[in-house]
Amino acid sequence: MPSSDPRQAETDRAAMKRWLSAAARPDVVRRSVIVCLIVGTLLVLINYTDRAVNGDLGLAEVVKMLLTYAVPYCVSTYVSVSTLIDEGKA
C-alpha cells in the first residue's frame, strides 16, 4: 500500500531507481540473457517440440514460446539485483 508520507514516497522512488539501475547493469543483463536463452530454449523444447514436429503451432503457441523466455530472464535479473543490493554493491 502506498504511503501518504512524502518522505517515504521519496525513499520508495530512490529504492526503485536503485533497483532499476542495478537491473540495467551490463553484467546483470548479460547474465540474464544467457540464462533465459539456455533455460527458455530447454522449456520450449520440452513443451512445444511435439506440436512443432506435427505442424500444430499457431500464433498463440508462438507467442507463448516467446514469453517462455521472459520468465527465466526476470528470475535471473531479480536474483542478481537482490544479491547486489544485499552485498551493498548496488
Protein backbone atom coordinates (compact mmCIF):
# COMPACT_ATOMS: atom_id res chain seq x y z
CA MET A 1 0.00 0.00 0.00
CA PRO A 2 1.46 3.37 -0.98
CA SER A 3 2.48 5.63 1.85
CA SER A 4 0.97 9.10 2.28
CA ASP A 5 4.22 10.30 3.88
CA PRO A 6 6.16 12.31 1.25
CA ARG A 7 9.49 11.29 2.79
CA GLN A 8 8.57 7.62 2.49
CA ALA A 9 7.43 8.13 -1.10
CA GLU A 10 10.81 9.72 -1.90
CA THR A 11 12.60 6.79 -0.25
CA ASP A 12 10.50 4.36 -2.28
CA ARG A 13 11.31 6.21 -5.51
CA ALA A 14 15.02 6.17 -4.68
CA ALA A 15 14.89 2.44 -3.94
CA MET A 16 13.09 1.75 -7.24
CA LYS A 17 15.60 3.90 -9.14
CA ARG A 18 18.48 1.99 -7.49
CA TRP A 19 16.83 -1.36 -8.32
CA LEU A 20 16.24 -0.43 -11.97
CA SER A 21 19.76 0.94 -12.29
CA ALA A 22 21.18 -2.34 -11.00
CA ALA A 23 18.89 -4.33 -13.33
CA ALA A 24 20.26 -2.36 -16.31
CA ARG A 25 23.92 -3.04 -15.46
CA PRO A 26 25.64 -4.75 -18.41
CA ASP A 27 26.81 -7.69 -16.29
CA VAL A 28 23.30 -8.31 -14.96
CA VAL A 29 21.73 -8.05 -18.43
CA ARG A 30 24.38 -10.34 -19.94
CA ARG A 31 23.87 -12.98 -17.25
CA SER A 32 20.09 -12.79 -17.55
CA VAL A 33 20.20 -13.11 -21.34
CA ILE A 34 22.43 -16.19 -21.11
CA VAL A 35 20.15 -17.77 -18.51
CA CYS A 36 17.00 -17.01 -20.49
CA LEU A 37 18.45 -18.41 -23.70
CA ILE A 38 19.51 -21.67 -22.06
CA VAL A 39 16.53 -22.22 -19.75
CA GLY A 40 13.97 -20.76 -22.18
CA THR A 41 15.19 -22.97 -25.01
CA LEU A 42 15.01 -26.07 -22.82
CA LEU A 43 11.47 -25.16 -21.73
CA VAL A 44 10.37 -24.52 -25.32
CA LEU A 45 11.85 -27.84 -26.44
CA ILE A 46 10.15 -29.70 -23.60
CA ASN A 47 6.76 -28.05 -24.08
CA TYR A 48 6.45 -27.50 -27.83
CA THR A 49 8.60 -29.99 -29.76
CA ASP A 50 5.70 -32.40 -30.35
CA ARG A 51 3.49 -29.61 -31.74
CA ALA A 52 6.30 -28.25 -33.91
CA VAL A 53 7.00 -31.70 -35.35
CA ASN A 54 3.28 -32.23 -36.09
CA GLY A 55 2.95 -28.74 -37.56
CA ASP A 56 0.35 -27.72 -34.95
CA LEU A 57 1.89 -24.40 -33.95
CA GLY A 58 -0.49 -21.49 -34.18
CA LEU A 59 0.03 -17.85 -33.34
CA ALA A 60 -0.96 -18.44 -29.70
CA GLU A 61 1.73 -21.11 -29.29
CA VAL A 62 4.38 -18.92 -30.91
CA VAL A 63 3.52 -16.07 -28.52
CA LYS A 64 3.68 -18.48 -25.57
CA MET A 65 7.06 -19.75 -26.80
CA LEU A 66 8.42 -16.21 -26.89
CA LEU A 67 7.00 -15.44 -23.43
CA THR A 68 8.66 -18.60 -22.12
CA TYR A 69 11.98 -16.77 -22.42
CA ALA A 70 10.74 -13.84 -20.29
CA VAL A 71 10.31 -15.87 -17.10
CA PRO A 72 13.94 -17.03 -16.72
CA TYR A 73 15.14 -13.54 -17.70
CA CYS A 74 13.03 -11.93 -14.96
CA VAL A 75 14.01 -14.50 -12.34
CA SER A 76 17.72 -14.17 -13.14
CA THR A 77 17.52 -10.38 -13.06
CA TYR A 78 15.64 -10.40 -9.75
CA VAL A 79 18.17 -12.73 -8.12
CA SER A 80 21.15 -10.76 -9.46
CA VAL A 81 19.80 -7.39 -8.33
CA SER A 82 18.77 -8.75 -4.92
CA THR A 83 22.27 -10.14 -4.42
CA LEU A 84 23.90 -6.85 -5.44
CA ILE A 85 21.69 -4.91 -3.04
CA ASP A 86 22.28 -7.37 -0.18
CA GLU A 87 26.03 -7.11 -0.73
CA GLY A 88 25.88 -3.32 -0.88
CA LYS A 89 27.10 -3.20 -4.48
CA ALA A 90 24.03 -1.51 -5.95
